[in-house]
Amino acid sequence: MAAKGKQVGPTTQELRENLQEDVDAFLASGKKIQHIPNGVSGVDASKGNKNIAIGQSKKR
């Protein structure tokens, strides 16, 4: 177990800076960020339902 008060991974500020660098590089490459309205799903309904079961399945 990690000692109390010790930072294990990157700080929140480091994560923000890394994300900003990634976004800047993405935009500098000529790509654009597309706004997706709330409520829009990325699931393609024409491909059917793809449920994912997490955990052990029950044997019949």
Protein backbone atom coordinates (compact mmCIF):
# COMPACT_ATOMS: atom_id res chain seq x y z
CA MET A 1 0.00 0.00 0.00
CA ALA A 2 1.30 3.46 -0.86
CA ALA A 3 2.37 5.71 1.97
CA LYS A 4 -0.19 8.35 2.88
CA GLY A 5 0.44 11.66 1.15
CA LYS A 6 2.70 10.25 -1.58
CA GLN A 7 1.78 11.05 -5.19
CA VAL A 8 1.66 7.80 -7.19
CA GLY A 9 0.95 9.10 -10.69
CA PRO A 10 0.96 12.40 -12.51
CA THR A 11 -0.64 15.38 -10.80
CA THR A 12 -3.88 16.89 -12.02
CA GLN A 13 -1.96 19.87 -13.37
CA GLU A 14 0.41 17.57 -15.31
CA LEU A 15 -2.56 15.72 -16.80
CA ARG A 16 -4.15 19.02 -17.85
CA GLU A 17 -0.90 20.20 -19.44
CA ASN A 18 -0.47 16.90 -21.31
CA LEU A 19 -4.06 17.04 -22.56
CA GLN A 20 -3.59 20.63 -23.74
CA GLU A 21 -0.40 19.64 -25.59
CA ASP A 22 -2.26 16.77 -27.28
CA VAL A 23 -5.15 19.05 -28.29
CA ASP A 24 -2.74 21.69 -29.64
CA ALA A 25 -0.88 19.06 -31.70
CA PHE A 26 -4.20 17.68 -33.01
CA LEU A 27 -5.38 21.13 -34.12
CA ALA A 28 -1.94 22.04 -35.54
CA SER A 29 -2.12 18.97 -37.79
CA GLY A 30 -5.15 20.54 -39.50
CA LYS A 31 -7.81 18.41 -37.85
CA LYS A 32 -10.90 19.89 -36.23
CA ILE A 33 -12.81 19.12 -33.06
CA GLN A 34 -16.43 18.22 -33.74
CA HIS A 35 -19.11 19.18 -31.23
CA ILE A 36 -21.54 16.35 -30.49
CA PRO A 37 -24.81 17.45 -28.87
CA ASN A 38 -25.92 15.91 -25.58
CA GLY A 39 -28.00 12.78 -26.00
CA VAL A 40 -26.39 11.65 -29.26
CA SER A 41 -25.11 8.07 -29.10
CA GLY A 42 -22.05 6.68 -30.80
CA VAL A 43 -23.76 3.29 -31.12
CA ASP A 44 -24.78 2.37 -34.65
CA ALA A 45 -28.34 1.05 -34.27
CA SER A 46 -28.19 -0.68 -37.66
CA LYS A 47 -25.55 -3.11 -36.35
CA GLY A 48 -27.80 -4.50 -33.65
CA ASN A 49 -27.46 -4.66 -29.90
CA LYS A 50 -24.02 -5.48 -28.54
CA ASN A 51 -24.37 -5.95 -24.82
CA ILE A 52 -21.25 -6.57 -22.80
CA ALA A 53 -21.46 -8.77 -19.72
CA ILE A 54 -18.86 -8.04 -17.08
CA GLY A 55 -18.11 -10.75 -14.58
CA GLN A 56 -18.42 -14.48 -14.61
CA SER A 57 -21.22 -15.94 -16.68
CA LYS A 58 -23.64 -18.35 -15.08
CA LYS A 59 -23.29 -21.91 -16.36
CA ARG A 60 -26.52 -23.59 -17.38
